[in-house]
Amino acid sequence: MVADMFEVRVHGRGGQGVVTAAELLSAAAFAEGRRAQAFPSFGSERTGAPVVAYCRIADRPIRLREPVLRPDAVVVQDATLLGQVDVLAGLAEDGLVLVNSARTLAELGLEPYAGRAFTVPATRLAREHLGRPLPNAALLGGVAALCGLVSLASVQAAIRDRFPGPVADGNAAAAAAAYDLVLAGRKEATRA
């Protein structure tokens, strides 16, 4: 269970499904009996422009409506944002980070977050399982493994509720693959 409230901030670019990711995470939490909210924040509303979406999960009513300024977790759907936007601004001291990348934390400049930051090649997984480079659903599988907020089964159910047939199947498979990679990374980090 979520102790009080867990806040997630999702960064990406227009067209990557940032808003959908926050909504699906919220739906997965709601399906597990928690309170949840998701909402976006747009600058210029065009494909490729930086986009931020927020998700809050709690075991009590959520009365906040402002953007997440002190996230417990940050999800970065496009690693190029690391050098352009302060995606880690306000991250809680023990906050978690998940980045869509096949690069290492050192290559991304995230070594100080080792043990609580992880990368997963979500775009590659989406291409393999969905045939399209949309990383959002794969990253949600990674979030389930990283944060333990929701189960993989709830993430997959939210995906299947949102998308039809083969699109749902591909996204659910990408989420499962990312879940396995992040879970393995967490186990390796605890051994180190």
N, C-alpha and C. Protein backbone atom coordinates (compact mmCIF):
# COMPACT_ATOMS: atom_id res chain seq x y z
N MET A 1 0.84 -1.20 0.00
CA MET A 1 0.00 0.00 0.00
C MET A 1 0.87 1.26 0.00
N VAL A 2 0.34 2.32 -0.55
CA VAL A 2 1.02 3.59 -0.57
C VAL A 2 0.83 4.23 0.80
N ALA A 3 1.93 4.61 1.45
CA ALA A 3 1.88 5.12 2.82
C ALA A 3 0.95 6.33 2.95
N ASP A 4 1.22 7.40 2.27
CA ASP A 4 0.38 8.58 2.33
C ASP A 4 -0.04 8.97 0.92
N MET A 5 0.90 9.52 0.20
CA MET A 5 0.64 9.84 -1.20
C MET A 5 1.96 9.68 -1.94
N PHE A 6 1.89 9.09 -3.11
CA PHE A 6 3.07 8.90 -3.95
C PHE A 6 2.85 9.72 -5.20
N GLU A 7 3.81 10.59 -5.52
CA GLU A 7 3.67 11.49 -6.65
C GLU A 7 4.69 11.16 -7.73
N VAL A 8 4.21 11.07 -8.95
CA VAL A 8 5.04 10.72 -10.10
C VAL A 8 4.95 11.84 -11.12
N ARG A 9 6.11 12.20 -11.66
CA ARG A 9 6.15 13.19 -12.74
C ARG A 9 6.72 12.49 -13.97
N VAL A 10 6.02 12.61 -15.09
CA VAL A 10 6.43 11.97 -16.34
C VAL A 10 6.84 13.06 -17.33
N HIS A 11 8.09 12.97 -17.82
CA HIS A 11 8.61 13.92 -18.80
C HIS A 11 8.77 13.22 -20.14
N GLY A 12 8.46 13.92 -21.19
CA GLY A 12 8.67 13.37 -22.53
C GLY A 12 8.43 14.45 -23.55
N ARG A 13 8.19 14.01 -24.76
CA ARG A 13 7.93 14.95 -25.84
C ARG A 13 6.54 14.67 -26.41
N GLY A 14 5.93 15.70 -26.96
CA GLY A 14 4.62 15.56 -27.56
C GLY A 14 4.62 14.44 -28.59
N GLY A 15 3.64 13.57 -28.49
CA GLY A 15 3.53 12.44 -29.40
C GLY A 15 4.06 11.13 -28.84
N GLN A 16 4.71 11.17 -27.67
CA GLN A 16 5.25 9.96 -27.06
C GLN A 16 4.28 9.28 -26.10
N GLY A 17 3.13 9.87 -25.88
CA GLY A 17 2.17 9.28 -24.96
C GLY A 17 2.41 9.59 -23.50
N VAL A 18 2.97 10.76 -23.22
CA VAL A 18 3.26 11.16 -21.84
C VAL A 18 1.97 11.25 -21.02
N VAL A 19 0.98 11.92 -21.57
CA VAL A 19 -0.29 12.09 -20.87
C VAL A 19 -0.97 10.73 -20.68
N THR A 20 -0.94 9.91 -21.72
CA THR A 20 -1.53 8.58 -21.63
C THR A 20 -0.84 7.75 -20.56
N ALA A 21 0.48 7.87 -20.45
CA ALA A 21 1.21 7.12 -19.42
C ALA A 21 0.70 7.46 -18.02
N ALA A 22 0.56 8.75 -17.74
CA ALA A 22 0.07 9.17 -16.42
C ALA A 22 -1.36 8.67 -16.20
N GLU A 23 -2.18 8.74 -17.23
CA GLU A 23 -3.57 8.28 -17.11
C GLU A 23 -3.64 6.77 -16.87
N LEU A 24 -2.81 6.00 -17.57
CA LEU A 24 -2.82 4.55 -17.39
C LEU A 24 -2.31 4.15 -16.01
N LEU A 25 -1.28 4.85 -15.52
CA LEU A 25 -0.78 4.57 -14.17
C LEU A 25 -1.87 4.85 -13.14
N SER A 26 -2.58 5.95 -13.34
CA SER A 26 -3.68 6.30 -12.45
C SER A 26 -4.79 5.25 -12.51
N ALA A 27 -5.12 4.79 -13.71
CA ALA A 27 -6.16 3.77 -13.87
C ALA A 27 -5.76 2.46 -13.20
N ALA A 28 -4.48 2.09 -13.32
CA ALA A 28 -3.99 0.86 -12.69
C ALA A 28 -4.11 0.96 -11.17
N ALA A 29 -3.77 2.11 -10.62
CA ALA A 29 -3.87 2.31 -9.17
C ALA A 29 -5.33 2.28 -8.72
N PHE A 30 -6.18 2.95 -9.48
CA PHE A 30 -7.60 2.99 -9.15
C PHE A 30 -8.19 1.58 -9.15
N ALA A 31 -7.77 0.76 -10.11
CA ALA A 31 -8.26 -0.62 -10.19
C ALA A 31 -7.85 -1.45 -8.98
N GLU A 32 -6.78 -1.03 -8.32
CA GLU A 32 -6.32 -1.73 -7.12
C GLU A 32 -6.93 -1.14 -5.85
N GLY A 33 -7.91 -0.26 -6.00
CA GLY A 33 -8.63 0.27 -4.85
C GLY A 33 -8.04 1.52 -4.24
N ARG A 34 -7.11 2.14 -4.92
CA ARG A 34 -6.50 3.37 -4.40
C ARG A 34 -7.15 4.58 -5.04
N ARG A 35 -6.88 5.71 -4.47
CA ARG A 35 -7.29 6.98 -5.07
C ARG A 35 -6.17 7.39 -6.01
N ALA A 36 -6.51 8.00 -7.12
CA ALA A 36 -5.49 8.40 -8.07
C ALA A 36 -5.98 9.56 -8.91
N GLN A 37 -5.03 10.35 -9.38
CA GLN A 37 -5.34 11.43 -10.31
C GLN A 37 -4.19 11.57 -11.30
N ALA A 38 -4.51 11.98 -12.48
CA ALA A 38 -3.51 12.22 -13.52
C ALA A 38 -3.93 13.45 -14.30
N PHE A 39 -2.95 14.27 -14.65
CA PHE A 39 -3.24 15.45 -15.46
C PHE A 39 -1.96 15.93 -16.12
N PRO A 40 -2.09 16.61 -17.26
CA PRO A 40 -0.93 17.08 -18.00
C PRO A 40 -0.61 18.55 -17.74
N SER A 41 0.56 18.94 -18.21
CA SER A 41 0.95 20.34 -18.26
C SER A 41 1.61 20.55 -19.61
N PHE A 42 1.06 21.43 -20.41
CA PHE A 42 1.59 21.65 -21.75
C PHE A 42 2.23 23.02 -21.85
N GLY A 43 3.30 23.08 -22.63
CA GLY A 43 3.85 24.37 -23.05
C GLY A 43 3.27 24.62 -24.42
N SER A 44 4.14 24.55 -25.40
CA SER A 44 3.62 24.64 -26.77
C SER A 44 3.12 23.26 -27.14
N GLU A 45 1.90 23.18 -27.57
CA GLU A 45 1.27 21.89 -27.84
C GLU A 45 1.55 21.44 -29.26
N ARG A 46 2.77 20.88 -29.46
CA ARG A 46 3.11 20.38 -30.77
C ARG A 46 3.98 19.13 -30.62
N THR A 47 3.97 18.31 -31.63
CA THR A 47 4.77 17.10 -31.62
C THR A 47 6.23 17.46 -31.42
N GLY A 48 6.88 16.77 -30.49
CA GLY A 48 8.29 16.98 -30.22
C GLY A 48 8.59 17.98 -29.12
N ALA A 49 7.62 18.79 -28.75
CA ALA A 49 7.85 19.77 -27.68
C ALA A 49 7.83 19.06 -26.32
N PRO A 50 8.62 19.55 -25.35
CA PRO A 50 8.59 18.94 -24.02
C PRO A 50 7.19 18.99 -23.41
N VAL A 51 6.80 17.87 -22.82
CA VAL A 51 5.50 17.72 -22.18
C VAL A 51 5.73 17.09 -20.81
N VAL A 52 4.92 17.48 -19.85
CA VAL A 52 4.98 16.91 -18.51
C VAL A 52 3.58 16.48 -18.12
N ALA A 53 3.49 15.32 -17.47
CA ALA A 53 2.21 14.87 -16.92
C ALA A 53 2.48 14.38 -15.50
N TYR A 54 1.45 14.41 -14.70
CA TYR A 54 1.58 14.08 -13.28
C TYR A 54 0.60 12.98 -12.90
N CYS A 55 0.99 12.21 -11.91
CA CYS A 55 0.11 11.19 -11.34
C CYS A 55 0.32 11.17 -9.85
N ARG A 56 -0.76 11.17 -9.13
CA ARG A 56 -0.73 11.02 -7.67
C ARG A 56 -1.51 9.76 -7.32
N ILE A 57 -0.98 9.00 -6.36
CA ILE A 57 -1.64 7.79 -5.89
C ILE A 57 -1.65 7.84 -4.37
N ALA A 58 -2.83 7.58 -3.80
CA ALA A 58 -2.97 7.64 -2.34
C ALA A 58 -4.03 6.66 -1.88
N ASP A 59 -4.05 6.43 -0.59
CA ASP A 59 -5.08 5.60 0.01
C ASP A 59 -6.18 6.43 0.64
N ARG A 60 -6.17 7.70 0.39
CA ARG A 60 -7.18 8.63 0.90
C ARG A 60 -7.55 9.60 -0.21
N PRO A 61 -8.59 10.37 -0.06
CA PRO A 61 -8.94 11.34 -1.10
C PRO A 61 -7.78 12.30 -1.38
N ILE A 62 -7.62 12.65 -2.63
CA ILE A 62 -6.56 13.57 -3.06
C ILE A 62 -7.20 14.91 -3.35
N ARG A 63 -6.82 15.90 -2.59
CA ARG A 63 -7.43 17.21 -2.75
C ARG A 63 -6.51 18.19 -3.49
N LEU A 64 -5.26 17.84 -3.66
CA LEU A 64 -4.31 18.69 -4.38
C LEU A 64 -4.66 18.72 -5.85
N ARG A 65 -4.43 19.86 -6.48
CA ARG A 65 -4.68 19.98 -7.91
C ARG A 65 -3.52 20.65 -8.63
N GLU A 66 -2.47 20.99 -7.92
CA GLU A 66 -1.36 21.67 -8.54
C GLU A 66 -0.34 20.67 -9.09
N PRO A 67 0.57 21.15 -9.93
CA PRO A 67 1.60 20.27 -10.48
C PRO A 67 2.44 19.62 -9.37
N VAL A 68 3.04 18.49 -9.68
CA VAL A 68 3.90 17.77 -8.73
C VAL A 68 5.27 18.45 -8.73
N LEU A 69 5.59 19.09 -7.62
CA LEU A 69 6.86 19.80 -7.50
C LEU A 69 7.92 19.00 -6.76
N ARG A 70 7.50 18.06 -5.90
CA ARG A 70 8.43 17.21 -5.14
C ARG A 70 8.09 15.75 -5.43
N PRO A 71 8.40 15.27 -6.63
CA PRO A 71 8.02 13.91 -7.00
C PRO A 71 8.78 12.85 -6.22
N ASP A 72 8.09 11.76 -5.97
CA ASP A 72 8.72 10.58 -5.38
C ASP A 72 9.38 9.75 -6.46
N ALA A 73 8.92 9.92 -7.69
CA ALA A 73 9.50 9.23 -8.84
C ALA A 73 9.37 10.12 -10.07
N VAL A 74 10.39 10.03 -10.92
CA VAL A 74 10.40 10.74 -12.19
C VAL A 74 10.60 9.72 -13.29
N VAL A 75 9.77 9.81 -14.32
CA VAL A 75 9.89 8.95 -15.49
C VAL A 75 10.26 9.86 -16.67
N VAL A 76 11.34 9.50 -17.35
CA VAL A 76 11.81 10.30 -18.48
C VAL A 76 11.67 9.46 -19.75
N GLN A 77 10.71 9.83 -20.58
CA GLN A 77 10.43 9.06 -21.79
C GLN A 77 11.38 9.37 -22.93
N ASP A 78 12.12 10.47 -22.85
CA ASP A 78 13.08 10.84 -23.88
C ASP A 78 14.34 11.34 -23.18
N ALA A 79 15.42 10.55 -23.25
CA ALA A 79 16.65 10.87 -22.54
C ALA A 79 17.29 12.17 -23.00
N THR A 80 16.96 12.66 -24.21
CA THR A 80 17.54 13.93 -24.65
C THR A 80 17.06 15.09 -23.79
N LEU A 81 15.98 14.90 -23.06
CA LEU A 81 15.49 15.96 -22.17
C LEU A 81 16.42 16.18 -20.98
N LEU A 82 17.24 15.18 -20.65
CA LEU A 82 18.14 15.31 -19.50
C LEU A 82 19.06 16.52 -19.63
N GLY A 83 19.44 16.88 -20.83
CA GLY A 83 20.30 18.04 -21.02
C GLY A 83 19.55 19.32 -21.34
N GLN A 84 18.24 19.24 -21.49
CA GLN A 84 17.46 20.41 -21.90
C GLN A 84 16.48 20.91 -20.85
N VAL A 85 16.00 20.01 -20.02
CA VAL A 85 15.00 20.34 -19.02
C VAL A 85 15.48 19.78 -17.68
N ASP A 86 15.25 20.49 -16.60
CA ASP A 86 15.65 19.98 -15.29
C ASP A 86 14.61 18.98 -14.81
N VAL A 87 14.65 17.77 -15.39
CA VAL A 87 13.64 16.76 -15.08
C VAL A 87 13.71 16.27 -13.65
N LEU A 88 14.86 16.45 -13.01
CA LEU A 88 15.01 15.97 -11.63
C LEU A 88 14.73 17.06 -10.59
N ALA A 89 14.28 18.21 -11.02
CA ALA A 89 13.99 19.31 -10.10
C ALA A 89 13.01 18.86 -9.02
N GLY A 90 13.36 19.10 -7.79
CA GLY A 90 12.48 18.80 -6.67
C GLY A 90 12.38 17.34 -6.30
N LEU A 91 13.12 16.47 -6.98
CA LEU A 91 13.03 15.03 -6.68
C LEU A 91 13.30 14.78 -5.20
N ALA A 92 12.43 14.00 -4.58
CA ALA A 92 12.59 13.66 -3.17
C ALA A 92 13.98 13.06 -2.94
N GLU A 93 14.51 13.24 -1.76
CA GLU A 93 15.87 12.77 -1.44
C GLU A 93 16.05 11.28 -1.74
N ASP A 94 15.03 10.51 -1.52
CA ASP A 94 15.09 9.07 -1.82
C ASP A 94 14.30 8.73 -3.08
N GLY A 95 14.06 9.75 -3.90
CA GLY A 95 13.23 9.60 -5.10
C GLY A 95 13.83 8.65 -6.12
N LEU A 96 12.96 8.06 -6.91
CA LEU A 96 13.33 7.08 -7.92
C LEU A 96 13.28 7.71 -9.30
N VAL A 97 14.14 7.20 -10.20
CA VAL A 97 14.22 7.74 -11.55
C VAL A 97 14.22 6.58 -12.53
N LEU A 98 13.41 6.68 -13.57
CA LEU A 98 13.38 5.69 -14.63
C LEU A 98 13.52 6.44 -15.96
N VAL A 99 14.54 6.07 -16.73
CA VAL A 99 14.83 6.75 -17.99
C VAL A 99 14.74 5.77 -19.15
N ASN A 100 14.09 6.17 -20.20
CA ASN A 100 14.01 5.41 -21.43
C ASN A 100 15.34 5.56 -22.16
N SER A 101 16.22 4.58 -22.00
CA SER A 101 17.52 4.63 -22.66
C SER A 101 18.20 3.28 -22.58
N ALA A 102 19.01 2.99 -23.58
CA ALA A 102 19.86 1.80 -23.55
C ALA A 102 21.23 2.16 -23.01
N ARG A 103 21.46 3.43 -22.71
CA ARG A 103 22.74 3.90 -22.19
C ARG A 103 22.81 3.66 -20.68
N THR A 104 24.02 3.71 -20.14
CA THR A 104 24.23 3.51 -18.72
C THR A 104 23.96 4.81 -17.96
N LEU A 105 23.82 4.68 -16.65
CA LEU A 105 23.64 5.87 -15.82
C LEU A 105 24.83 6.81 -15.97
N ALA A 106 26.04 6.25 -16.04
CA ALA A 106 27.24 7.07 -16.20
C ALA A 106 27.19 7.86 -17.51
N GLU A 107 26.79 7.21 -18.57
CA GLU A 107 26.70 7.88 -19.87
C GLU A 107 25.66 8.98 -19.86
N LEU A 108 24.65 8.83 -19.05
CA LEU A 108 23.58 9.83 -18.95
C LEU A 108 23.86 10.90 -17.90
N GLY A 109 24.94 10.75 -17.14
CA GLY A 109 25.25 11.70 -16.08
C GLY A 109 24.41 11.50 -14.84
N LEU A 110 23.91 10.29 -14.64
CA LEU A 110 23.03 10.01 -13.50
C LEU A 110 23.69 9.12 -12.45
N GLU A 111 25.02 9.03 -12.46
CA GLU A 111 25.71 8.20 -11.47
C GLU A 111 25.35 8.55 -10.02
N PRO A 112 25.17 9.83 -9.69
CA PRO A 112 24.81 10.15 -8.30
C PRO A 112 23.50 9.49 -7.83
N TYR A 113 22.69 9.04 -8.77
CA TYR A 113 21.41 8.43 -8.44
C TYR A 113 21.46 6.90 -8.49
N ALA A 114 22.66 6.35 -8.62
CA ALA A 114 22.83 4.90 -8.69
C ALA A 114 22.13 4.23 -7.51
N GLY A 115 21.46 3.14 -7.78
CA GLY A 115 20.71 2.43 -6.76
C GLY A 115 19.25 2.84 -6.70
N ARG A 116 18.96 4.03 -7.25
CA ARG A 116 17.56 4.46 -7.29
C ARG A 116 17.18 5.04 -8.64
N ALA A 117 18.12 4.98 -9.58
CA ALA A 117 17.84 5.37 -10.96
C ALA A 117 18.13 4.17 -11.86
N PHE A 118 17.28 3.97 -12.84
CA PHE A 118 17.42 2.83 -13.73
C PHE A 118 17.07 3.26 -15.14
N THR A 119 17.68 2.57 -16.08
CA THR A 119 17.34 2.78 -17.48
C THR A 119 16.71 1.52 -18.02
N VAL A 120 15.85 1.72 -18.99
CA VAL A 120 15.22 0.60 -19.70
C VAL A 120 15.04 1.04 -21.15
N PRO A 121 15.40 0.20 -22.11
CA PRO A 121 15.27 0.59 -23.52
C PRO A 121 13.82 0.48 -24.00
N ALA A 122 12.97 1.34 -23.48
CA ALA A 122 11.53 1.26 -23.72
C ALA A 122 11.16 1.46 -25.19
N THR A 123 11.86 2.33 -25.87
CA THR A 123 11.55 2.53 -27.29
C THR A 123 11.86 1.26 -28.08
N ARG A 124 13.00 0.64 -27.79
CA ARG A 124 13.35 -0.62 -28.47
C ARG A 124 12.33 -1.70 -28.15
N LEU A 125 11.92 -1.80 -26.89
CA LEU A 125 10.92 -2.80 -26.51
C LEU A 125 9.59 -2.55 -27.22
N ALA A 126 9.21 -1.29 -27.34
CA ALA A 126 7.97 -0.96 -28.03
C ALA A 126 8.05 -1.35 -29.50
N ARG A 127 9.19 -1.08 -30.12
CA ARG A 127 9.36 -1.47 -31.53
C ARG A 127 9.26 -2.99 -31.68
N GLU A 128 9.90 -3.72 -30.76
CA GLU A 128 9.89 -5.18 -30.84
C GLU A 128 8.49 -5.77 -30.65
N HIS A 129 7.75 -5.24 -29.68
CA HIS A 129 6.46 -5.83 -29.33
C HIS A 129 5.26 -5.17 -29.99
N LEU A 130 5.40 -3.90 -30.33
CA LEU A 130 4.27 -3.14 -30.87
C LEU A 130 4.48 -2.77 -32.33
N GLY A 131 5.75 -2.70 -32.73
CA GLY A 131 6.05 -2.28 -34.09
C GLY A 131 6.09 -0.78 -34.26
N ARG A 132 6.02 -0.05 -33.15
CA ARG A 132 6.04 1.41 -33.17
C ARG A 132 6.91 1.91 -32.03
N PRO A 133 7.59 3.04 -32.19
CA PRO A 133 8.49 3.55 -31.15
C PRO A 133 7.80 4.38 -30.07
N LEU A 134 6.77 3.82 -29.45
CA LEU A 134 6.04 4.54 -28.39
C LEU A 134 6.41 3.93 -27.04
N PRO A 135 7.23 4.61 -26.24
CA PRO A 135 7.78 4.01 -25.02
C PRO A 135 6.88 4.01 -23.79
N ASN A 136 5.73 4.69 -23.84
CA ASN A 136 4.97 4.91 -22.60
C ASN A 136 4.51 3.64 -21.91
N ALA A 137 3.94 2.70 -22.62
CA ALA A 137 3.43 1.48 -21.97
C ALA A 137 4.57 0.64 -21.42
N ALA A 138 5.66 0.54 -22.16
CA ALA A 138 6.81 -0.21 -21.65
C ALA A 138 7.32 0.43 -20.36
N LEU A 139 7.39 1.75 -20.34
CA LEU A 139 7.87 2.42 -19.13
C LEU A 139 6.95 2.18 -17.93
N LEU A 140 5.66 2.02 -18.18
CA LEU A 140 4.75 1.74 -17.07
C LEU A 140 5.05 0.39 -16.44
N GLY A 141 5.45 -0.59 -17.24
CA GLY A 141 5.90 -1.86 -16.68
C GLY A 141 7.13 -1.64 -15.82
N GLY A 142 8.04 -0.78 -16.29
CA GLY A 142 9.22 -0.44 -15.50
C GLY A 142 8.86 0.27 -14.21
N VAL A 143 7.88 1.14 -14.26
CA VAL A 143 7.43 1.85 -13.04
C VAL A 143 6.87 0.85 -12.03
N ALA A 144 6.10 -0.12 -12.51
CA ALA A 144 5.55 -1.14 -11.60
C ALA A 144 6.66 -1.88 -10.88
N ALA A 145 7.74 -2.23 -11.60
CA ALA A 145 8.86 -2.94 -10.98
C ALA A 145 9.67 -2.02 -10.08
N LEU A 146 9.84 -0.77 -10.48
CA LEU A 146 10.68 0.16 -9.74
C LEU A 146 10.05 0.63 -8.44
N CYS A 147 8.80 1.01 -8.52
CA CYS A 147 8.14 1.65 -7.37
C CYS A 147 7.28 0.72 -6.54
N GLY A 148 6.80 -0.36 -7.14
CA GLY A 148 5.89 -1.24 -6.43
C GLY A 148 4.55 -0.59 -6.15
N LEU A 149 4.22 0.47 -6.89
CA LEU A 149 2.96 1.19 -6.69
C LEU A 149 1.76 0.36 -7.10
N VAL A 150 1.93 -0.29 -8.23
CA VAL A 150 0.86 -1.09 -8.82
C VAL A 150 1.48 -2.37 -9.35
N SER A 151 0.65 -3.36 -9.54
CA SER A 151 1.15 -4.62 -10.08
C SER A 151 1.25 -4.55 -11.60
N LEU A 152 2.09 -5.41 -12.16
CA LEU A 152 2.17 -5.51 -13.62
C LEU A 152 0.81 -5.88 -14.19
N ALA A 153 0.10 -6.77 -13.51
CA ALA A 153 -1.21 -7.19 -14.00
C ALA A 153 -2.17 -6.00 -14.10
N SER A 154 -2.13 -5.08 -13.15
CA SER A 154 -3.00 -3.90 -13.20
C SER A 154 -2.59 -2.96 -14.32
N VAL A 155 -1.29 -2.82 -14.55
CA VAL A 155 -0.81 -2.00 -15.66
C VAL A 155 -1.30 -2.60 -16.98
N GLN A 156 -1.15 -3.90 -17.12
CA GLN A 156 -1.59 -4.55 -18.36
C GLN A 156 -3.11 -4.46 -18.54
N ALA A 157 -3.85 -4.56 -17.45
CA ALA A 157 -5.31 -4.42 -17.54
C ALA A 157 -5.69 -3.01 -17.97
N ALA A 158 -5.00 -2.00 -17.44
CA ALA A 158 -5.28 -0.61 -17.84
C ALA A 158 -4.97 -0.42 -19.32
N ILE A 159 -3.88 -1.02 -19.78
CA ILE A 159 -3.51 -0.95 -21.20
C ILE A 159 -4.60 -1.59 -22.05
N ARG A 160 -5.06 -2.76 -21.64
CA ARG A 160 -6.08 -3.48 -22.42
C ARG A 160 -7.42 -2.76 -22.41
N ASP A 161 -7.71 -2.04 -21.32
CA ASP A 161 -8.94 -1.25 -21.27
C ASP A 161 -8.88 -0.04 -22.21
N ARG A 162 -7.69 0.46 -22.43
CA ARG A 162 -7.51 1.69 -23.23
C ARG A 162 -7.36 1.43 -24.73
N PHE A 163 -6.69 0.33 -25.07
CA PHE A 163 -6.36 0.07 -26.47
C PHE A 163 -7.03 -1.21 -26.97
N PRO A 164 -7.26 -1.28 -28.27
CA PRO A 164 -7.88 -2.49 -28.84
C PRO A 164 -6.85 -3.56 -29.19
N GLY A 165 -7.30 -4.79 -29.32
CA GLY A 165 -6.61 -5.98 -29.79
C GLY A 165 -5.11 -6.00 -29.84
N PRO A 166 -4.52 -6.03 -31.04
CA PRO A 166 -3.08 -6.17 -31.18
C PRO A 166 -2.28 -5.03 -30.55
N VAL A 167 -2.83 -3.82 -30.55
CA VAL A 167 -2.15 -2.69 -29.92
C VAL A 167 -2.03 -2.94 -28.41
N ALA A 168 -3.11 -3.41 -27.81
CA ALA A 168 -3.09 -3.74 -26.38
C ALA A 168 -2.11 -4.87 -26.11
N ASP A 169 -2.15 -5.89 -26.92
CA ASP A 169 -1.25 -7.04 -26.71
C ASP A 169 0.21 -6.63 -26.82
N GLY A 170 0.54 -5.84 -27.83
CA GLY A 170 1.92 -5.38 -28.00
C GLY A 170 2.38 -4.50 -26.86
N ASN A 171 1.53 -3.57 -26.44
CA ASN A 171 1.87 -2.70 -25.32
C ASN A 171 2.00 -3.49 -24.02
N ALA A 172 1.12 -4.44 -23.78
CA ALA A 172 1.18 -5.26 -22.57
C ALA A 172 2.46 -6.10 -22.56
N ALA A 173 2.85 -6.62 -23.72
CA ALA A 173 4.09 -7.40 -23.81
C ALA A 173 5.31 -6.52 -23.58
N ALA A 174 5.31 -5.31 -24.11
CA ALA A 174 6.41 -4.37 -23.89
C ALA A 174 6.50 -4.00 -22.41
N ALA A 175 5.36 -3.81 -21.76
CA ALA A 175 5.34 -3.51 -20.33
C ALA A 175 5.93 -4.66 -19.53
N ALA A 176 5.58 -5.88 -19.88
CA ALA A 176 6.12 -7.06 -19.18
C ALA A 176 7.63 -7.18 -19.37
N ALA A 177 8.11 -6.91 -20.57
CA ALA A 177 9.55 -6.98 -20.84
C ALA A 177 10.29 -5.92 -20.02
N ALA A 178 9.76 -4.71 -19.97
CA ALA A 178 10.39 -3.64 -19.19
C ALA A 178 10.35 -3.97 -17.70
N TYR A 179 9.24 -4.52 -17.25
CA TYR A 179 9.10 -4.93 -15.84
C TYR A 179 10.23 -5.89 -15.48
N ASP A 180 10.44 -6.90 -16.32
CA ASP A 180 11.48 -7.90 -16.05
C ASP A 180 12.86 -7.27 -16.02
N LEU A 181 13.15 -6.35 -16.95
CA LEU A 181 14.46 -5.71 -16.99
C LEU A 181 14.72 -4.85 -15.76
N VAL A 182 13.72 -4.07 -15.37
CA VAL A 182 13.90 -3.19 -14.20
C VAL A 182 13.99 -4.02 -12.92
N LEU A 183 13.17 -5.05 -12.81
CA LEU A 183 13.24 -5.93 -11.64
C LEU A 183 14.63 -6.56 -11.52
N ALA A 184 15.18 -7.02 -12.64
CA ALA A 184 16.53 -7.60 -12.63
C ALA A 184 17.57 -6.55 -12.25
N GLY A 185 17.40 -5.34 -12.75
CA GLY A 185 18.31 -4.24 -12.41
C GLY A 185 18.25 -3.89 -10.93
N ARG A 186 17.06 -3.90 -10.37
CA ARG A 186 16.92 -3.60 -8.93
C ARG A 186 17.59 -4.68 -8.09
N LYS A 187 17.41 -5.95 -8.48
CA LYS A 187 18.05 -7.04 -7.75
C LYS A 187 19.57 -6.92 -7.81
N GLU A 188 20.08 -6.58 -8.99
CA GLU A 188 21.52 -6.42 -9.17
C GLU A 188 22.04 -5.24 -8.33
N ALA A 189 21.28 -4.16 -8.27
CA ALA A 189 21.68 -2.99 -7.50
C ALA A 189 21.73 -3.28 -6.01
N THR A 190 20.83 -4.11 -5.52
CA THR A 190 20.84 -4.43 -4.09
C THR A 190 21.99 -5.36 -3.73
N ARG A 191 22.45 -6.15 -4.70
CA ARG A 191 23.60 -7.03 -4.47
C ARG A 191 24.90 -6.26 -4.47
N ALA A 192 24.95 -5.13 -5.20
CA ALA A 192 26.19 -4.38 -5.35
C ALA A 192 26.55 -3.61 -4.10
